[in-house]
Amino acid sequence: MTAGFRYLAGMALVGLGFATLARAVPSDLRDEVGWAVVIALAVQAPLGWWTLRSIGRPGFQLVWSLGMLVRFAAVGLTGLVLVPALGWDLGPTLGTLVAAMMALVLVEAVTAVREHS
């Protein structure tokens, strides 16, 4: 199994798990939770792939640092711009966003360890 397939399979598994969670929350929170998962997947998918492709190369530290900065910015912009603009509940939105990003970063880390150890 290639690293790319392992990464995509892990992302799909996390996405499916969080989609199930979004369906299980009360209906008035489904938009917040659902969109937080979509945002996490949209941000993490290319950043994780870029990081995995950079391991062992001279620019890895810069790629990793920029990726973390983009992740923090996504959380900040969601909390400061999207949540107030759309009238979402802050706690469920950011809680789901951060939890989904952490799970996706864990997929990235497990993929990296399996590929490069």
PDB file of N, CA and C in Angstrom:
ATOM      1  N   MET A   1       0.851  -1.174   0.000  1.00  0.00           N
ATOM      2  CA  MET A   1       0.000   0.000   0.000  1.00  0.00           C
ATOM      3  C   MET A   1       0.897   1.237   0.000  1.00  0.00           C
ATOM      4  N   THR A   2       0.625   2.170  -0.884  1.00  0.00           N
ATOM      5  CA  THR A   2       1.444   3.372  -0.982  1.00  0.00           C
ATOM      6  C   THR A   2       1.054   4.389   0.090  1.00  0.00           C
ATOM      7  N   ALA A   3       1.961   5.317   0.318  1.00  0.00           N
ATOM      8  CA  ALA A   3       1.685   6.362   1.311  1.00  0.00           C
ATOM      9  C   ALA A   3       0.492   7.209   0.888  1.00  0.00           C
ATOM     10  N   GLY A   4       0.400   7.501  -0.397  1.00  0.00           N
ATOM     11  CA  GLY A   4      -0.721   8.304  -0.880  1.00  0.00           C
ATOM     12  C   GLY A   4      -2.060   7.630  -0.643  1.00  0.00           C
ATOM     13  N   PHE A   5      -2.122   6.336  -0.929  1.00  0.00           N
ATOM     14  CA  PHE A   5      -3.361   5.595  -0.697  1.00  0.00           C
ATOM     15  C   PHE A   5      -3.674   5.533   0.794  1.00  0.00           C
ATOM     16  N   ARG A   6      -2.646   5.295   1.611  1.00  0.00           N
ATOM     17  CA  ARG A   6      -2.840   5.219   3.063  1.00  0.00           C
ATOM     18  C   ARG A   6      -3.359   6.560   3.598  1.00  0.00           C
ATOM     19  N   TYR A   7      -2.795   7.656   3.099  1.00  0.00           N
ATOM     20  CA  TYR A   7      -3.208   8.988   3.534  1.00  0.00           C
ATOM     21  C   TYR A   7      -4.666   9.253   3.132  1.00  0.00           C
ATOM     22  N   LEU A   8      -5.006   8.957   1.883  1.00  0.00           N
ATOM     23  CA  LEU A   8      -6.378   9.184   1.423  1.00  0.00           C
ATOM     24  C   LEU A   8      -7.374   8.293   2.160  1.00  0.00           C
ATOM     25  N   ALA A   9      -6.999   7.057   2.411  1.00  0.00           N
ATOM     26  CA  ALA A   9      -7.880   6.155   3.154  1.00  0.00           C
ATOM     27  C   ALA A   9      -8.096   6.658   4.581  1.00  0.00           C
ATOM     28  N   GLY A  10      -7.039   7.128   5.222  1.00  0.00           N
ATOM     29  CA  GLY A  10      -7.160   7.677   6.568  1.00  0.00           C
ATOM     30  C   GLY A  10      -8.025   8.917   6.595  1.00  0.00           C
ATOM     31  N   MET A  11      -7.840   9.787   5.598  1.00  0.00           N
ATOM     32  CA  MET A  11      -8.669  10.993   5.531  1.00  0.00           C
ATOM     33  C   MET A  11     -10.141  10.634   5.313  1.00  0.00           C
ATOM     34  N   ALA A  12     -10.379   9.657   4.455  1.00  0.00           N
ATOM     35  CA  ALA A  12     -11.760   9.232   4.204  1.00  0.00           C
ATOM     36  C   ALA A  12     -12.387   8.658   5.467  1.00  0.00           C
ATOM     37  N   LEU A  13     -11.626   7.877   6.203  1.00  0.00           N
ATOM     38  CA  LEU A  13     -12.130   7.291   7.444  1.00  0.00           C
ATOM     39  C   LEU A  13     -12.476   8.375   8.471  1.00  0.00           C
ATOM     40  N   VAL A  14     -11.581   9.351   8.626  1.00  0.00           N
ATOM     41  CA  VAL A  14     -11.848  10.453   9.554  1.00  0.00           C
ATOM     42  C   VAL A  14     -13.054  11.264   9.073  1.00  0.00           C
ATOM     43  N   GLY A  15     -13.111  11.558   7.774  1.00  0.00           N
ATOM     44  CA  GLY A  15     -14.247  12.298   7.232  1.00  0.00           C
ATOM     45  C   GLY A  15     -15.560  11.582   7.457  1.00  0.00           C
ATOM     46  N   LEU A  16     -15.567  10.273   7.258  1.00  0.00           N
ATOM     47  CA  LEU A  16     -16.770   9.476   7.482  1.00  0.00           C
ATOM     48  C   LEU A  16     -17.171   9.480   8.956  1.00  0.00           C
ATOM     49  N   GLY A  17     -16.181   9.370   9.825  1.00  0.00           N
ATOM     50  CA  GLY A  17     -16.472   9.405  11.263  1.00  0.00           C
ATOM     51  C   GLY A  17     -17.080  10.734  11.692  1.00  0.00           C
ATOM     52  N   PHE A  18     -16.517  11.824  11.199  1.00  0.00           N
ATOM     53  CA  PHE A  18     -17.047  13.136  11.570  1.00  0.00           C
ATOM     54  C   PHE A  18     -18.380  13.426  10.871  1.00  0.00           C
ATOM     55  N   ALA A  19     -18.588  12.886   9.679  1.00  0.00           N
ATOM     56  CA  ALA A  19     -19.887  13.036   9.019  1.00  0.00           C
ATOM     57  C   ALA A  19     -20.964  12.317   9.821  1.00  0.00           C
ATOM     58  N   THR A  20     -20.617  11.158  10.369  1.00  0.00           N
ATOM     59  CA  THR A  20     -21.544  10.432  11.237  1.00  0.00           C
ATOM     60  C   THR A  20     -21.846  11.251  12.489  1.00  0.00           C
ATOM     61  N   LEU A  21     -20.819  11.875  13.047  1.00  0.00           N
ATOM     62  CA  LEU A  21     -21.007  12.745  14.203  1.00  0.00           C
ATOM     63  C   LEU A  21     -21.946  13.901  13.857  1.00  0.00           C
ATOM     64  N   ALA A  22     -21.744  14.495  12.685  1.00  0.00           N
ATOM     65  CA  ALA A  22     -22.582  15.632  12.282  1.00  0.00           C
ATOM     66  C   ALA A  22     -24.051  15.226  12.193  1.00  0.00           C
ATOM     67  N   ARG A  23     -24.313  14.006  11.780  1.00  0.00           N
ATOM     68  CA  ARG A  23     -25.703  13.541  11.700  1.00  0.00           C
ATOM     69  C   ARG A  23     -26.279  13.223  13.074  1.00  0.00           C
ATOM     70  N   ALA A  24     -25.398  12.985  14.054  1.00  0.00           N
ATOM     71  CA  ALA A  24     -25.866  12.595  15.389  1.00  0.00           C
ATOM     72  C   ALA A  24     -26.133  13.789  16.308  1.00  0.00           C
ATOM     73  N   VAL A  25     -25.624  14.965  15.963  1.00  0.00           N
ATOM     74  CA  VAL A  25     -25.836  16.128  16.825  1.00  0.00           C
ATOM     75  C   VAL A  25     -27.243  16.685  16.593  1.00  0.00           C
ATOM     76  N   PRO A  26     -27.725  17.486  17.523  1.00  0.00           N
ATOM     77  CA  PRO A  26     -29.051  18.091  17.331  1.00  0.00           C
ATOM     78  C   PRO A  26     -29.116  18.884  16.024  1.00  0.00           C
ATOM     79  N   SER A  27     -30.277  18.926  15.432  1.00  0.00           N
ATOM     80  CA  SER A  27     -30.443  19.533  14.109  1.00  0.00           C
ATOM     81  C   SER A  27     -30.033  21.005  14.052  1.00  0.00           C
ATOM     82  N   ASP A  28     -30.154  21.714  15.165  1.00  0.00           N
ATOM     83  CA  ASP A  28     -29.774  23.128  15.147  1.00  0.00           C
ATOM     84  C   ASP A  28     -28.259  23.331  15.126  1.00  0.00           C
ATOM     85  N   LEU A  29     -27.479  22.275  15.332  1.00  0.00           N
ATOM     86  CA  LEU A  29     -26.013  22.377  15.288  1.00  0.00           C
ATOM     87  C   LEU A  29     -25.402  21.682  14.077  1.00  0.00           C
ATOM     88  N   ARG A  30     -26.214  21.060  13.246  1.00  0.00           N
ATOM     89  CA  ARG A  30     -25.679  20.281  12.116  1.00  0.00           C
ATOM     90  C   ARG A  30     -24.912  21.133  11.122  1.00  0.00           C
ATOM     91  N   ASP A  31     -25.376  22.332  10.861  1.00  0.00           N
ATOM     92  CA  ASP A  31     -24.656  23.193   9.922  1.00  0.00           C
ATOM     93  C   ASP A  31     -23.256  23.508  10.437  1.00  0.00           C
ATOM     94  N   GLU A  32     -23.169  23.906  11.701  1.00  0.00           N
ATOM     95  CA  GLU A  32     -21.873  24.253  12.275  1.00  0.00           C
ATOM     96  C   GLU A  32     -20.909  23.072  12.231  1.00  0.00           C
ATOM     97  N   VAL A  33     -21.385  21.928  12.697  1.00  0.00           N
ATOM     98  CA  VAL A  33     -20.530  20.744  12.766  1.00  0.00           C
ATOM     99  C   VAL A  33     -20.160  20.268  11.359  1.00  0.00           C
ATOM    100  N   GLY A  34     -21.134  20.220  10.477  1.00  0.00           N
ATOM    101  CA  GLY A  34     -20.878  19.769   9.107  1.00  0.00           C
ATOM    102  C   GLY A  34     -19.890  20.646   8.373  1.00  0.00           C
ATOM    103  N   TRP A  35     -20.093  21.943   8.454  1.00  0.00           N
ATOM    104  CA  TRP A  35     -19.179  22.855   7.763  1.00  0.00           C
ATOM    105  C   TRP A  35     -17.795  22.869   8.402  1.00  0.00           C
ATOM    106  N   ALA A  36     -17.717  22.676   9.700  1.00  0.00           N
ATOM    107  CA  ALA A  36     -16.402  22.596  10.351  1.00  0.00           C
ATOM    108  C   ALA A  36     -15.619  21.400   9.819  1.00  0.00           C
ATOM    109  N   VAL A  37     -16.290  20.285   9.600  1.00  0.00           N
ATOM    110  CA  VAL A  37     -15.628  19.100   9.043  1.00  0.00           C
ATOM    111  C   VAL A  37     -15.170  19.382   7.609  1.00  0.00           C
ATOM    112  N   VAL A  38     -16.016  20.017   6.824  1.00  0.00           N
ATOM    113  CA  VAL A  38     -15.656  20.347   5.443  1.00  0.00           C
ATOM    114  C   VAL A  38     -14.447  21.282   5.413  1.00  0.00           C
ATOM    115  N   ILE A  39     -14.437  22.278   6.281  1.00  0.00           N
ATOM    116  CA  ILE A  39     -13.308  23.211   6.339  1.00  0.00           C
ATOM    117  C   ILE A  39     -12.032  22.470   6.732  1.00  0.00           C
ATOM    118  N   ALA A  40     -12.119  21.613   7.738  1.00  0.00           N
ATOM    119  CA  ALA A  40     -10.942  20.857   8.176  1.00  0.00           C
ATOM    120  C   ALA A  40     -10.394  19.992   7.044  1.00  0.00           C
ATOM    121  N   LEU A  41     -11.263  19.296   6.340  1.00  0.00           N
ATOM    122  CA  LEU A  41     -10.817  18.456   5.226  1.00  0.00           C
ATOM    123  C   LEU A  41     -10.218  19.294   4.100  1.00  0.00           C
ATOM    124  N   ALA A  42     -10.841  20.426   3.797  1.00  0.00           N
ATOM    125  CA  ALA A  42     -10.349  21.281   2.715  1.00  0.00           C
ATOM    126  C   ALA A  42      -8.985  21.885   3.037  1.00  0.00           C
ATOM    127  N   VAL A  43      -8.756  22.197   4.292  1.00  0.00           N
ATOM    128  CA  VAL A  43      -7.471  22.776   4.697  1.00  0.00           C
ATOM    129  C   VAL A  43      -6.412  21.687   4.833  1.00  0.00           C
ATOM    130  N   GLN A  44      -6.768  20.601   5.483  1.00  0.00           N
ATOM    131  CA  GLN A  44      -5.781  19.572   5.809  1.00  0.00           C
ATOM    132  C   GLN A  44      -5.367  18.726   4.609  1.00  0.00           C
ATOM    133  N   ALA A  45      -6.260  18.436   3.706  1.00  0.00           N
ATOM    134  CA  ALA A  45      -5.924  17.533   2.591  1.00  0.00           C
ATOM    135  C   ALA A  45      -4.690  18.002   1.816  1.00  0.00           C
ATOM    136  N   PRO A  46      -4.672  19.224   1.297  1.00  0.00           N
ATOM    137  CA  PRO A  46      -3.474  19.630   0.553  1.00  0.00           C
ATOM    138  C   PRO A  46      -2.253  19.867   1.450  1.00  0.00           C
ATOM    139  N   LEU A  47      -2.483  20.365   2.661  1.00  0.00           N
ATOM    140  CA  LEU A  47      -1.339  20.622   3.544  1.00  0.00           C
ATOM    141  C   LEU A  47      -0.667  19.324   3.976  1.00  0.00           C
ATOM    142  N   GLY A  48      -1.456  18.324   4.304  1.00  0.00           N
ATOM    143  CA  GLY A  48      -0.896  17.042   4.701  1.00  0.00           C
ATOM    144  C   GLY A  48      -0.148  16.381   3.561  1.00  0.00           C
ATOM    145  N   TRP A  49      -0.732  16.445   2.361  1.00  0.00           N
ATOM    146  CA  TRP A  49      -0.082  15.867   1.197  1.00  0.00           C
ATOM    147  C   TRP A  49       1.245  16.565   0.922  1.00  0.00           C
ATOM    148  N   TRP A  50       1.249  17.887   0.997  1.00  0.00           N
ATOM    149  CA  TRP A  50       2.463  18.678   0.769  1.00  0.00           C
ATOM    150  C   TRP A  50       3.522  18.318   1.810  1.00  0.00           C
ATOM    151  N   THR A  51       3.124  18.192   3.054  1.00  0.00           N
ATOM    152  CA  THR A  51       4.062  17.837   4.116  1.00  0.00           C
ATOM    153  C   THR A  51       4.636  16.447   3.890  1.00  0.00           C
ATOM    154  N   LEU A  52       3.788  15.486   3.571  1.00  0.00           N
ATOM    155  CA  LEU A  52       4.275  14.125   3.329  1.00  0.00           C
ATOM    156  C   LEU A  52       5.250  14.074   2.169  1.00  0.00           C
ATOM    157  N   ARG A  53       4.993  14.840   1.129  1.00  0.00           N
ATOM    158  CA  ARG A  53       5.885  14.863  -0.026  1.00  0.00           C
ATOM    159  C   ARG A  53       7.204  15.579   0.272  1.00  0.00           C
ATOM    160  N   SER A  54       7.227  16.378   1.332  1.00  0.00           N
ATOM    161  CA  SER A  54       8.420  17.167   1.663  1.00  0.00           C
ATOM    162  C   SER A  54       9.360  16.481   2.642  1.00  0.00           C
ATOM    163  N   ILE A  55       8.926  15.395   3.254  1.00  0.00           N
ATOM    164  CA  ILE A  55       9.760  14.720   4.253  1.00  0.00           C
ATOM    165  C   ILE A  55      11.050  14.251   3.602  1.00  0.00           C
ATOM    166  N   GLY A  56      12.160  14.575   4.251  1.00  0.00           N
ATOM    167  CA  GLY A  56      13.476  14.190   3.753  1.00  0.00           C
ATOM    168  C   GLY A  56      14.077  15.170   2.771  1.00  0.00           C
ATOM    169  N   ARG A  57      13.374  16.215   2.466  1.00  0.00           N
ATOM    170  CA  ARG A  57      13.880  17.223   1.531  1.00  0.00           C
ATOM    171  C   ARG A  57      14.341  18.442   2.316  1.00  0.00           C
ATOM    172  N   PRO A  58      15.207  19.254   1.705  1.00  0.00           N
ATOM    173  CA  PRO A  58      15.752  20.419   2.432  1.00  0.00           C
ATOM    174  C   PRO A  58      14.705  21.407   2.944  1.00  0.00           C
ATOM    175  N   GLY A  59      13.593  21.576   2.263  1.00  0.00           N
ATOM    176  CA  GLY A  59      12.600  22.565   2.674  1.00  0.00           C
ATOM    177  C   GLY A  59      11.536  22.034   3.612  1.00  0.00           C
ATOM    178  N   PHE A  60      11.735  20.845   4.179  1.00  0.00           N
ATOM    179  CA  PHE A  60      10.692  20.234   5.004  1.00  0.00           C
ATOM    180  C   PHE A  60      10.275  21.125   6.171  1.00  0.00           C
ATOM    181  N   GLN A  61      11.227  21.673   6.889  1.00  0.00           N
ATOM    182  CA  GLN A  61      10.895  22.484   8.067  1.00  0.00           C
ATOM    183  C   GLN A  61      10.049  23.697   7.687  1.00  0.00           C
ATOM    184  N   LEU A  62      10.371  24.318   6.561  1.00  0.00           N
ATOM    185  CA  LEU A  62       9.590  25.461   6.093  1.00  0.00           C
ATOM    186  C   LEU A  62       8.172  25.025   5.704  1.00  0.00           C
ATOM    187  N   VAL A  63       8.056  23.902   5.001  1.00  0.00           N
ATOM    188  CA  VAL A  63       6.742  23.383   4.608  1.00  0.00           C
ATOM    189  C   VAL A  63       5.909  23.072   5.843  1.00  0.00           C
ATOM    190  N   TRP A  64       6.499  22.394   6.808  1.00  0.00           N
ATOM    191  CA  TRP A  64       5.776  22.036   8.029  1.00  0.00           C
ATOM    192  C   TRP A  64       5.333  23.290   8.774  1.00  0.00           C
ATOM    193  N   SER A  65       6.234  24.267   8.911  1.00  0.00           N
ATOM    194  CA  SER A  65       5.915  25.510   9.627  1.00  0.00           C
ATOM    195  C   SER A  65       4.799  26.287   8.931  1.00  0.00           C
ATOM    196  N   LEU A  66       4.893  26.420   7.623  1.00  0.00           N
ATOM    197  CA  LEU A  66       3.840  27.131   6.888  1.00  0.00           C
ATOM    198  C   LEU A  66       2.500  26.401   7.005  1.00  0.00           C
ATOM    199  N   GLY A  67       2.545  25.070   6.962  1.00  0.00           N
ATOM    200  CA  GLY A  67       1.317  24.288   7.120  1.00  0.00           C
ATOM    201  C   GLY A  67       0.658  24.534   8.463  1.00  0.00           C
ATOM    202  N   MET A  68       1.449  24.552   9.518  1.00  0.00           N
ATOM    203  CA  MET A  68       0.888  24.812  10.847  1.00  0.00           C
ATOM    204  C   MET A  68       0.323  26.224  10.929  1.00  0.00           C
ATOM    205  N   LEU A  69       1.005  27.175  10.324  1.00  0.00           N
ATOM    206  CA  LEU A  69       0.518  28.554  10.315  1.00  0.00           C
ATOM    207  C   LEU A  69      -0.828  28.653   9.584  1.00  0.00           C
ATOM    208  N   VAL A  70      -0.958  27.960   8.462  1.00  0.00           N
ATOM    209  CA  VAL A  70      -2.217  27.977   7.716  1.00  0.00           C
ATOM    210  C   VAL A  70      -3.331  27.331   8.541  1.00  0.00           C
ATOM    211  N   ARG A  71      -3.014  26.247   9.250  1.00  0.00           N
ATOM    212  CA  ARG A  71      -4.026  25.590  10.090  1.00  0.00           C
ATOM    213  C   ARG A  71      -4.508  26.533  11.200  1.00  0.00           C
ATOM    214  N   PHE A  72      -3.573  27.198  11.870  1.00  0.00           N
ATOM    215  CA  PHE A  72      -3.953  28.161  12.916  1.00  0.00           C
ATOM    216  C   PHE A  72      -4.773  29.305  12.323  1.00  0.00           C
ATOM    217  N   ALA A  73      -4.384  29.782  11.151  1.00  0.00           N
ATOM    218  CA  ALA A  73      -5.124  30.865  10.501  1.00  0.00           C
ATOM    219  C   ALA A  73      -6.539  30.419  10.150  1.00  0.00           C
ATOM    220  N   ALA A  74      -6.696  29.186   9.704  1.00  0.00           N
ATOM    221  CA  ALA A  74      -8.032  28.674   9.362  1.00  0.00           C
ATOM    222  C   ALA A  74      -8.936  28.658  10.589  1.00  0.00           C
ATOM    223  N   VAL A  75      -8.387  28.224  11.721  1.00  0.00           N
ATOM    224  CA  VAL A  75      -9.176  28.220  12.961  1.00  0.00           C
ATOM    225  C   VAL A  75      -9.510  29.657  13.367  1.00  0.00           C
ATOM    226  N   GLY A  76      -8.529  30.540  13.308  1.00  0.00           N
ATOM    227  CA  GLY A  76      -8.752  31.935  13.677  1.00  0.00           C
ATOM    228  C   GLY A  76      -9.775  32.623  12.788  1.00  0.00           C
ATOM    229  N   LEU A  77      -9.638  32.443  11.481  1.00  0.00           N
ATOM    230  CA  LEU A  77     -10.590  33.070  10.559  1.00  0.00           C
ATOM    231  C   LEU A  77     -11.993  32.497  10.710  1.00  0.00           C
ATOM    232  N   THR A  78     -12.058  31.208  10.960  1.00  0.00           N
ATOM    233  CA  THR A  78     -13.381  30.608  11.181  1.00  0.00           C
ATOM    234  C   THR A  78     -14.038  31.223  12.413  1.00  0.00           C
ATOM    235  N   GLY A  79     -13.266  31.329  13.500  1.00  0.00           N
ATOM    236  CA  GLY A  79     -13.821  31.868  14.741  1.00  0.00           C
ATOM    237  C   GLY A  79     -14.118  33.349  14.692  1.00  0.00           C
ATOM    238  N   LEU A  80     -13.277  34.102  14.002  1.00  0.00           N
ATOM    239  CA  LEU A  80     -13.430  35.553  13.999  1.00  0.00           C
ATOM    240  C   LEU A  80     -14.273  36.090  12.852  1.00  0.00           C
ATOM    241  N   VAL A  81     -14.372  35.351  11.754  1.00  0.00           N
ATOM    242  CA  VAL A  81     -15.100  35.853  10.589  1.00  0.00           C
ATOM    243  C   VAL A  81     -16.334  35.008  10.275  1.00  0.00           C
ATOM    244  N   LEU A  82     -16.129  33.711  10.039  1.00  0.00           N
ATOM    245  CA  LEU A  82     -17.246  32.867   9.600  1.00  0.00           C
ATOM    246  C   LEU A  82     -18.335  32.707  10.657  1.00  0.00           C
ATOM    247  N   VAL A  83     -17.938  32.406  11.870  1.00  0.00           N
ATOM    248  CA  VAL A  83     -18.926  32.154  12.925  1.00  0.00           C
ATOM    249  C   VAL A  83     -19.833  33.372  13.140  1.00  0.00           C
ATOM    250  N   PRO A  84     -19.275  34.576  13.341  1.00  0.00           N
ATOM    251  CA  PRO A  84     -20.171  35.726  13.519  1.00  0.00           C
ATOM    252  C   PRO A  84     -20.985  36.049  12.259  1.00  0.00           C
ATOM    253  N   ALA A  85     -20.355  35.927  11.083  1.00  0.00           N
ATOM    254  CA  ALA A  85     -21.048  36.290   9.845  1.00  0.00           C
ATOM    255  C   ALA A  85     -22.233  35.371   9.567  1.00  0.00           C
ATOM    256  N   LEU A  86     -22.105  34.098   9.920  1.00  0.00           N
ATOM    257  CA  LEU A  86     -23.164  33.135   9.633  1.00  0.00           C
ATOM    258  C   LEU A  86     -24.069  32.855  10.835  1.00  0.00           C
ATOM    259  N   GLY A  87     -23.745  33.475  11.972  1.00  0.00           N
ATOM    260  CA  GLY A  87     -24.562  33.303  13.166  1.00  0.00           C
ATOM    261  C   GLY A  87     -24.473  31.922  13.784  1.00  0.00           C
ATOM    262  N   TRP A  88     -23.336  31.270  13.602  1.00  0.00           N
ATOM    263  CA  TRP A  88     -23.148  29.924  14.134  1.00  0.00           C
ATOM    264  C   TRP A  88     -22.787  29.982  15.612  1.00  0.00           C
ATOM    265  N   ASP A  89     -22.965  28.874  16.285  1.00  0.00           N
ATOM    266  CA  ASP A  89     -22.566  28.723  17.685  1.00  0.00           C
ATOM    267  C   ASP A  89     -21.061  28.456  17.711  1.00  0.00           C
ATOM    268  N   LEU A  90     -20.312  29.264  18.447  1.00  0.00           N
ATOM    269  CA  LEU A  90     -18.848  29.208  18.429  1.00  0.00           C
ATOM    270  C   LEU A  90     -18.288  27.890  18.952  1.00  0.00           C
ATOM    271  N   GLY A  91     -18.799  27.402  20.072  1.00  0.00           N
ATOM    272  CA  GLY A  91     -18.250  26.206  20.702  1.00  0.00           C
ATOM    273  C   GLY A  91     -18.277  24.966  19.821  1.00  0.00           C
ATOM    274  N   PRO A  92     -19.447  24.581  19.318  1.00  0.00           N
ATOM    275  CA  PRO A  92     -19.489  23.394  18.468  1.00  0.00           C
ATOM    276  C   PRO A  92     -18.691  23.545  17.168  1.00  0.00           C
ATOM    277  N   THR A  93     -18.700  24.761  16.622  1.00  0.00           N
ATOM    278  CA  THR A  93     -17.979  24.973  15.363  1.00  0.00           C
ATOM    279  C   THR A  93     -16.483  24.799  15.563  1.00  0.00           C
ATOM    280  N   LEU A  94     -15.912  25.557  16.495  1.00  0.00           N
ATOM    281  CA  LEU A  94     -14.460  25.475  16.694  1.00  0.00           C
ATOM    282  C   LEU A  94     -14.046  24.157  17.324  1.00  0.00           C
ATOM    283  N   GLY A  95     -14.879  23.623  18.197  1.00  0.00           N
ATOM    284  CA  GLY A  95     -14.564  22.326  18.795  1.00  0.00           C
ATOM    285  C   GLY A  95     -14.459  21.239  17.735  1.00  0.00           C
ATOM    286  N   THR A  96     -15.423  21.212  16.833  1.00  0.00           N
ATOM    287  CA  THR A  96     -15.401  20.220  15.754  1.00  0.00           C
ATOM    288  C   THR A  96     -14.245  20.483  14.802  1.00  0.00           C
ATOM    289  N   LEU A  97     -14.019  21.739  14.456  1.00  0.00           N
ATOM    290  CA  LEU A  97     -12.928  22.085  13.540  1.00  0.00           C
ATOM    291  C   LEU A  97     -11.586  21.644  14.093  1.00  0.00           C
ATOM    292  N   VAL A  98     -11.314  21.966  15.336  1.00  0.00           N
ATOM    293  CA  VAL A  98     -10.031  21.605  15.946  1.00  0.00           C
ATOM    294  C   VAL A  98      -9.911  20.085  16.107  1.00  0.00           C
ATOM    295  N   ALA A  99     -10.972  19.428  16.536  1.00  0.00           N
ATOM    296  CA  ALA A  99     -10.923  17.971  16.693  1.00  0.00           C
ATOM    297  C   ALA A  99     -10.696  17.279  15.352  1.00  0.00           C
ATOM    298  N   ALA A 100     -11.378  17.747  14.313  1.00  0.00           N
ATOM    299  CA  ALA A 100     -11.201  17.143  12.987  1.00  0.00           C
ATOM    300  C   ALA A 100      -9.793  17.393  12.467  1.00  0.00           C
ATOM    301  N   MET A 101      -9.279  18.599  12.644  1.00  0.00           N
ATOM    302  CA  MET A 101      -7.903  18.881  12.194  1.00  0.00           C
ATOM    303  C   MET A 101      -6.891  18.029  12.960  1.00  0.00           C
ATOM    304  N   MET A 102      -7.103  17.872  14.255  1.00  0.00           N
ATOM    305  CA  MET A 102      -6.181  17.039  15.032  1.00  0.00           C
ATOM    306  C   MET A 102      -6.217  15.591  14.552  1.00  0.00           C
ATOM    307  N   ALA A 103      -7.407  15.079  14.276  1.00  0.00           N
ATOM    308  CA  ALA A 103      -7.523  13.707  13.775  1.00  0.00           C
ATOM    309  C   ALA A 103      -6.851  13.571  12.414  1.00  0.00           C
ATOM    310  N   LEU A 104      -7.002  14.572  11.569  1.00  0.00           N
ATOM    311  CA  LEU A 104      -6.381  14.527  10.247  1.00  0.00           C
ATOM    312  C   LEU A 104      -4.867  14.686  10.320  1.00  0.00           C
ATOM    313  N   VAL A 105      -4.376  15.493  11.242  1.00  0.00           N
ATOM    314  CA  VAL A 105      -2.925  15.600  11.437  1.00  0.00           C
ATOM    315  C   VAL A 105      -2.374  14.279  11.974  1.00  0.00           C
ATOM    316  N   LEU A 106      -3.149  13.594  12.784  1.00  0.00           N
ATOM    317  CA  LEU A 106      -2.739  12.276  13.265  1.00  0.00           C
ATOM    318  C   LEU A 106      -2.637  11.283  12.098  1.00  0.00           C
ATOM    319  N   VAL A 107      -3.568  11.344  11.168  1.00  0.00           N
ATOM    320  CA  VAL A 107      -3.488  10.505   9.970  1.00  0.00           C
ATOM    321  C   VAL A 107      -2.198  10.815   9.210  1.00  0.00           C
ATOM    322  N   GLU A 108      -1.896  12.091   9.075  1.00  0.00           N
ATOM    323  CA  GLU A 108      -0.665  12.523   8.401  1.00  0.00           C
ATOM    324  C   GLU A 108       0.564  11.958   9.116  1.00  0.00           C
ATOM    325  N   ALA A 109       0.582  12.047  10.435  1.00  0.00           N
ATOM    326  CA  ALA A 109       1.726  11.566  11.208  1.00  0.00           C
ATOM    327  C   ALA A 109       1.889  10.049  11.100  1.00  0.00           C
ATOM    328  N   VAL A 110       0.774   9.326  11.194  1.00  0.00           N
ATOM    329  CA  VAL A 110       0.845   7.866  11.088  1.00  0.00           C
ATOM    330  C   VAL A 110       1.322   7.472   9.689  1.00  0.00           C
ATOM    331  N   THR A 111       0.833   8.151   8.687  1.00  0.00           N
ATOM    332  CA  THR A 111       1.277   7.879   7.319  1.00  0.00           C
ATOM    333  C   THR A 111       2.764   8.146   7.168  1.00  0.00           C
ATOM    334  N   ALA A 112       3.233   9.234   7.732  1.00  0.00           N
ATOM    335  CA  ALA A 112       4.659   9.581   7.642  1.00  0.00           C
ATOM    336  C   ALA A 112       5.521   8.558   8.352  1.00  0.00           C
ATOM    337  N   VAL A 113       5.109   8.134   9.533  1.00  0.00           N
ATOM    338  CA  VAL A 113       5.881   7.155  10.290  1.00  0.00           C
ATOM    339  C   VAL A 113       5.946   5.822   9.550  1.00  0.00           C
ATOM    340  N   ARG A 114       4.815   5.392   9.009  1.00  0.00           N
ATOM    341  CA  ARG A 114       4.796   4.107   8.294  1.00  0.00           C
ATOM    342  C   ARG A 114       5.631   4.166   7.034  1.00  0.00           C
ATOM    343  N   GLU A 115       5.661   5.302   6.396  1.00  0.00           N
ATOM    344  CA  GLU A 115       6.394   5.445   5.130  1.00  0.00           C
ATOM    345  C   GLU A 115       7.893   5.637   5.343  1.00  0.00           C
ATOM    346  N   HIS A 116       8.274   6.330   6.405  1.00  0.00           N
ATOM    347  CA  HIS A 116       9.669   6.744   6.556  1.00  0.00           C
ATOM    348  C   HIS A 116      10.374   6.136   7.760  1.00  0.00           C
ATOM    349  N   SER A 117       9.858   5.061   8.310  1.00  0.00           N
ATOM    350  CA  SER A 117      10.568   4.473   9.451  1.00  0.00           C
ATOM    351  C   SER A 117      11.205   3.150   9.061  1.00  0.00           C
TER     352      SER A 117
END
